[in-house]
């Protein structure tokens, strides 16, 4: 891990929100993490991207060190949260890099506020189909919201699911995410986030179908990135994006899982910067 940026906080609506801000020139680039994650997931990306862009990595409401209210965690609600965050920082034109749930939020944001979005980078993106790992569907078991307590070993197991090369999941990384998952309200917010978007059958139809139906209306330049060994969201869903987004290109990483931005950071950073510069 590189030296971590300084935590900053801002009020996005009524939510005290943690974020990192790097870079003083170029267009605004907002990095949005996935379910059960936090802005630390971008630690290998922020400095490289900030060489050419004003980068903002944000902890979603309910995640990381942002507030964890009992509220809606639907994609629409999360996109509205990101809009409040962007408005608070004065970002009226921005591009997104979104991983998993964060990719779904980026798509939902583009549908809600098309005049605000310049470009999209969708990384192993939720919201393109129903299939998703059983580990997330299990959050719908009765009483999970009351009984779930993260452990060090369960955190390690979850992180290892996100990569093809499990040696990348260091003890330090596990400690970081375990500390975040133990924060007050974190467990309940995590289960609420999952249940809002995933049921026993997979990603809820009401979550992905409205997005898929409207993909042809998202005309901004879009880069779709996926790890070919993703065990959370199948790489086949990348083809849904390519079939329906009118201005998209695709990059698939071999020997790579759900966290393409982490597992293949150097290549990822290069592809994203090239896309942002030339598309």
Protein backbone atom coordinates (compact mmCIF):
# COMPACT_ATOMS: atom_id res chain seq x y z
CA UNK A 1 0.00 0.00 0.00
CA UNK A 2 1.15 3.53 -0.74
CA UNK A 3 1.03 6.26 1.88
CA UNK A 4 -2.64 6.90 2.56
CA UNK A 5 -4.14 10.33 1.83
CA UNK A 6 -5.61 12.39 4.64
CA UNK A 7 -9.20 11.68 5.66
CA UNK A 8 -11.52 14.61 5.12
CA UNK A 9 -15.18 15.01 6.07
CA UNK A 10 -18.08 16.94 4.59
CA UNK A 11 -21.83 16.96 5.12
CA UNK A 12 -23.63 15.39 2.15
CA UNK A 13 -27.17 16.34 3.05
CA UNK A 14 -27.48 15.09 6.62
CA UNK A 15 -24.73 12.47 6.28
CA UNK A 16 -21.26 13.14 7.63
CA UNK A 17 -19.19 11.75 4.79
CA UNK A 18 -15.54 10.73 4.68
CA UNK A 19 -13.56 11.25 1.50
CA UNK A 20 -10.07 11.60 0.06
CA UNK A 21 -9.23 14.46 -2.27
CA UNK A 22 -6.11 14.43 -4.44
CA UNK A 23 -5.04 16.39 -7.49
CA UNK A 24 -5.33 20.07 -8.32
CA UNK A 25 -5.86 20.07 -12.08
CA UNK A 26 -7.95 18.38 -14.72
CA UNK A 27 -11.52 17.14 -14.62
CA UNK A 28 -13.30 15.88 -11.49
CA UNK A 29 -13.21 12.11 -11.00
CA UNK A 30 -15.34 10.47 -8.27
CA UNK A 31 -14.38 6.95 -7.15
CA UNK A 32 -17.23 4.88 -5.69
CA UNK A 33 -16.62 1.55 -3.91
CA UNK A 34 -18.79 -1.54 -3.62
CA UNK A 35 -20.85 -3.31 -0.93
CA UNK A 36 -18.95 -3.95 2.28
CA UNK A 37 -16.01 -1.91 1.05
CA UNK A 38 -14.67 1.59 1.67
CA UNK A 39 -12.50 4.21 0.02
CA UNK A 40 -9.40 2.25 1.10
CA UNK A 41 -10.13 -0.02 -1.87
CA UNK A 42 -8.73 2.78 -4.11
CA UNK A 43 -5.40 3.12 -2.28
CA UNK A 44 -3.42 1.85 -5.28
CA UNK A 45 -5.25 4.11 -7.75
CA UNK A 46 -5.76 7.57 -6.29
CA UNK A 47 -2.22 8.92 -6.64
CA UNK A 48 -1.80 7.80 -10.25
CA UNK A 49 -5.20 9.16 -11.28
CA UNK A 50 -4.55 12.43 -9.40
CA UNK A 51 -1.57 13.19 -11.63
CA UNK A 52 -4.08 14.31 -14.28
CA UNK A 53 -7.42 14.69 -12.48
CA UNK A 54 -9.04 16.09 -9.36
CA UNK A 55 -9.83 12.79 -7.64
CA UNK A 56 -12.45 12.30 -4.93
CA UNK A 57 -12.73 8.87 -3.30
CA UNK A 58 -15.81 8.71 -1.10
CA UNK A 59 -17.17 6.42 1.61
CA UNK A 60 -20.79 5.71 0.74
CA UNK A 61 -23.43 6.40 3.35
CA UNK A 62 -23.48 3.29 5.56
CA UNK A 63 -19.89 2.37 4.69
CA UNK A 64 -16.35 3.05 5.84
CA UNK A 65 -16.24 5.98 8.23
CA UNK A 66 -19.25 7.81 6.84
CA UNK A 67 -22.45 7.97 8.91
CA UNK A 68 -24.58 4.82 9.01
CA UNK A 69 -28.22 5.88 9.39
CA UNK A 70 -31.18 3.56 9.05
CA UNK A 71 -32.21 4.74 5.60
CA UNK A 72 -32.82 3.53 2.07
CA UNK A 73 -29.80 1.93 0.41
CA UNK A 74 -31.39 1.57 -3.01
CA UNK A 75 -29.32 2.54 -6.04
CA UNK A 76 -31.52 5.62 -6.49
CA UNK A 77 -30.99 6.70 -2.87
CA UNK A 78 -27.24 6.09 -3.13
CA UNK A 79 -27.04 8.05 -6.39
CA UNK A 80 -28.87 10.91 -4.68
CA UNK A 81 -26.35 10.72 -1.84
CA UNK A 82 -23.49 11.03 -4.34
CA UNK A 83 -25.28 14.03 -5.91
CA UNK A 84 -25.48 15.69 -2.48
CA UNK A 85 -21.76 14.98 -1.98
CA UNK A 86 -20.88 16.41 -5.42
CA UNK A 87 -23.05 19.48 -4.83
CA UNK A 88 -21.41 20.12 -1.47
CA UNK A 89 -17.99 20.13 -3.15
CA UNK A 90 -19.19 22.19 -6.10
CA UNK A 91 -18.72 19.42 -8.68
CA UNK A 92 -21.21 20.22 -11.45
CA UNK A 93 -19.43 18.14 -14.12
CA UNK A 94 -17.77 14.87 -13.15
CA UNK A 95 -16.69 11.44 -14.29
CA UNK A 96 -17.08 8.23 -12.32
CA UNK A 97 -14.98 5.19 -11.56
CA UNK A 98 -17.33 2.74 -9.83
CA UNK A 99 -16.61 -0.79 -8.65
CA UNK A 100 -19.45 -3.31 -8.19
CA UNK A 101 -22.25 -1.48 -6.34
CA UNK A 102 -20.34 1.71 -7.12
CA UNK A 103 -20.65 0.98 -10.84
CA UNK A 104 -24.39 0.51 -10.44
CA UNK A 105 -24.56 3.83 -8.61
CA UNK A 106 -22.62 5.50 -11.45
CA UNK A 107 -25.11 4.13 -14.00
CA UNK A 108 -28.06 5.21 -11.87
CA UNK A 109 -26.50 8.66 -11.42
CA UNK A 110 -26.05 8.98 -15.20
CA UNK A 111 -29.74 8.18 -15.67
CA UNK A 112 -30.87 10.65 -13.00
CA UNK A 113 -28.45 13.49 -13.78
CA UNK A 114 -27.26 13.01 -17.38
CA UNK A 115 -26.22 16.64 -17.78
CA UNK A 116 -23.71 16.24 -14.91
CA UNK A 117 -21.78 13.17 -16.12
CA UNK A 118 -18.87 13.39 -18.56
CA UNK A 119 -17.50 9.81 -18.63
CA UNK A 120 -18.01 6.47 -16.86
CA UNK A 121 -15.59 3.74 -15.86
CA UNK A 122 -17.57 0.66 -14.77
CA UNK A 123 -15.43 -1.86 -12.87
CA UNK A 124 -16.99 -5.32 -12.39
CA UNK A 125 -20.28 -3.45 -12.31
CA UNK A 126 -23.51 -4.36 -10.48
CA UNK A 127 -26.79 -3.57 -12.21
CA UNK A 128 -26.32 -5.36 -15.54
CA UNK A 129 -27.97 -8.67 -14.67
CA UNK A 130 -29.37 -10.94 -11.96
CA UNK A 131 -26.47 -13.31 -11.31
CA UNK A 132 -24.40 -12.64 -8.18
CA UNK A 133 -22.52 -14.80 -5.67
CA UNK A 134 -24.42 -16.84 -3.09
CA UNK A 135 -22.41 -15.21 -0.30
CA UNK A 136 -24.35 -11.98 -0.84
CA UNK A 137 -27.73 -13.68 -1.28
CA UNK A 138 -27.33 -15.26 2.18
CA UNK A 139 -27.81 -11.84 3.76
CA UNK A 140 -31.53 -12.47 3.23
CA UNK A 141 -31.57 -15.24 5.84
CA UNK A 142 -33.87 -14.44 8.79
CA UNK A 143 -32.18 -12.71 11.74
CA UNK A 144 -28.91 -12.15 9.86
CA UNK A 145 -29.27 -8.43 10.50
CA UNK A 146 -29.45 -9.12 14.23
CA UNK A 147 -26.91 -11.94 14.51
CA UNK A 148 -24.18 -11.03 12.02
CA UNK A 149 -20.92 -9.99 13.64
CA UNK A 150 -17.78 -9.73 11.51
CA UNK A 151 -14.70 -11.63 12.58
CA UNK A 152 -11.13 -11.32 11.46
CA UNK A 153 -11.38 -14.62 9.59
CA UNK A 154 -14.71 -13.80 7.91
CA UNK A 155 -13.26 -10.46 6.76
CA UNK A 156 -10.24 -12.26 5.29
CA UNK A 157 -12.53 -14.74 3.51
CA UNK A 158 -14.65 -11.95 2.04
CA UNK A 159 -11.62 -10.05 0.76
CA UNK A 160 -10.12 -13.19 -0.76
CA UNK A 161 -13.36 -13.72 -2.71
CA UNK A 162 -12.69 -10.40 -4.43
CA UNK A 163 -9.40 -11.43 -6.06
CA UNK A 164 -8.01 -14.27 -8.14
CA UNK A 165 -4.57 -14.05 -6.49
CA UNK A 166 -5.33 -14.47 -2.80
CA UNK A 167 -1.74 -13.71 -1.78
CA UNK A 168 -2.60 -10.05 -2.41
CA UNK A 169 -4.85 -10.04 0.67
CA UNK A 170 -2.30 -9.12 3.33
CA UNK A 171 -2.81 -9.17 7.08
CA UNK A 172 -2.60 -5.36 7.04
CA UNK A 173 -5.41 -5.12 4.50
CA UNK A 174 -7.59 -7.52 6.51
CA UNK A 175 -6.94 -5.47 9.66
CA UNK A 176 -7.99 -2.27 7.85
CA UNK A 177 -11.32 -3.65 6.68
CA UNK A 178 -12.01 -5.55 9.90
CA UNK A 179 -11.60 -2.31 11.86
CA UNK A 180 -14.12 -0.60 9.56
CA UNK A 181 -16.65 -3.45 9.75
CA UNK A 182 -16.54 -3.31 13.57
CA UNK A 183 -17.53 0.35 13.73
CA UNK A 184 -20.90 1.10 15.40
CA UNK A 185 -23.77 0.46 13.00
CA UNK A 186 -21.54 -1.01 10.29
CA UNK A 187 -22.94 -4.56 10.39
CA UNK A 188 -26.57 -3.47 10.21
CA UNK A 189 -25.84 -0.98 7.43
CA UNK A 190 -23.98 -3.65 5.44
CA UNK A 191 -26.89 -6.10 5.63
CA UNK A 192 -29.33 -3.30 4.73
CA UNK A 193 -27.19 -2.36 1.70
CA UNK A 194 -27.14 -5.95 0.48
CA UNK A 195 -30.86 -6.59 1.07
CA UNK A 196 -31.84 -3.40 -0.74
CA UNK A 197 -30.16 -4.68 -3.89
CA UNK A 198 -29.96 -8.50 -3.63
CA UNK A 199 -32.58 -11.16 -2.85
CA UNK A 200 -32.51 -14.97 -2.95
CA UNK A 201 -32.58 -15.02 -6.75
CA UNK A 202 -29.68 -12.58 -7.11
CA UNK A 203 -29.66 -8.89 -7.90
CA UNK A 204 -33.23 -7.68 -7.49
CA UNK A 205 -35.12 -7.35 -10.77
CA UNK A 206 -36.32 -3.89 -9.76
CA UNK A 207 -32.66 -2.87 -9.36
CA UNK A 208 -31.09 -4.06 -12.60
CA UNK A 209 -33.96 -4.19 -15.11
CA UNK A 210 -34.71 -0.44 -15.18
CA UNK A 211 -30.99 0.19 -15.71
CA UNK A 212 -30.58 -2.39 -18.48
CA UNK A 213 -33.72 -1.10 -20.20
CA UNK A 214 -32.29 2.42 -20.29
CA UNK A 215 -28.63 1.69 -21.09
CA UNK A 216 -29.11 2.87 -24.71
CA UNK A 217 -29.90 6.35 -23.36
CA UNK A 218 -26.49 6.64 -21.64
CA UNK A 219 -24.43 8.14 -24.45
CA UNK A 220 -21.35 9.38 -22.54
CA UNK A 221 -18.04 7.61 -23.25
CA UNK A 222 -17.88 4.50 -21.06
CA UNK A 223 -15.05 2.11 -20.24
CA UNK A 224 -16.17 -1.31 -19.00
CA UNK A 225 -13.49 -3.19 -17.05
CA UNK A 226 -13.89 -6.73 -15.69
CA UNK A 227 -11.77 -9.47 -14.17
CA UNK A 228 -12.24 -12.73 -16.07
CA UNK A 229 -12.20 -14.74 -12.82
CA UNK A 230 -14.75 -12.59 -10.98
CA UNK A 231 -16.55 -14.82 -8.44
CA UNK A 232 -18.99 -12.11 -7.33
CA UNK A 233 -20.42 -10.81 -10.61
CA UNK A 234 -19.87 -12.97 -13.73
CA UNK A 235 -17.79 -11.51 -16.54
CA UNK A 236 -20.64 -12.33 -18.96
CA UNK A 237 -22.45 -9.27 -17.60
CA UNK A 238 -19.82 -7.08 -19.26
CA UNK A 239 -21.34 -8.12 -22.58
CA UNK A 240 -24.72 -6.71 -21.51
CA UNK A 241 -23.09 -3.32 -21.14
CA UNK A 242 -21.35 -3.65 -24.49
CA UNK A 243 -24.54 -4.68 -26.28
CA UNK A 244 -26.62 -1.77 -25.01
CA UNK A 245 -24.33 1.17 -24.23
CA UNK A 246 -23.86 3.12 -27.46
CA UNK A 247 -20.42 4.55 -26.66
CA UNK A 248 -18.59 1.85 -24.71
CA UNK A 249 -15.29 0.01 -24.90
CA UNK A 250 -14.28 -3.12 -23.00
CA UNK A 251 -11.14 -4.22 -21.14
CA UNK A 252 -11.07 -7.72 -19.61
CA UNK A 253 -8.18 -8.66 -17.33
CA UNK A 254 -7.14 -12.32 -17.30
CA UNK A 255 -6.24 -13.98 -13.98
CA UNK A 256 -8.18 -11.27 -12.19
CA UNK A 257 -11.20 -11.22 -9.91
CA UNK A 258 -13.80 -8.71 -8.69
CA UNK A 259 -11.37 -5.98 -7.64
CA UNK A 260 -9.75 -5.28 -11.01
CA UNK A 261 -8.60 -1.84 -9.81
CA UNK A 262 -6.72 -3.44 -6.91
CA UNK A 263 -5.48 -6.68 -8.39
CA UNK A 264 -4.18 -5.14 -11.62
CA UNK A 265 -3.64 -1.60 -10.33
CA UNK A 266 -0.82 -0.44 -12.62
CA UNK A 267 -2.54 -1.62 -15.81
CA UNK A 268 -5.89 -0.40 -14.55
CA UNK A 269 -4.54 3.09 -13.87
CA UNK A 270 -2.94 3.25 -17.30
CA UNK A 271 -6.11 2.14 -19.12
CA UNK A 272 -8.31 4.57 -17.18
CA UNK A 273 -6.01 7.56 -17.73
CA UNK A 274 -5.76 6.74 -21.44
CA UNK A 275 -9.53 6.43 -21.72
CA UNK A 276 -10.16 9.70 -19.87
CA UNK A 277 -7.62 11.53 -22.03
CA UNK A 278 -8.66 10.22 -25.43
CA UNK A 279 -12.34 9.27 -25.38
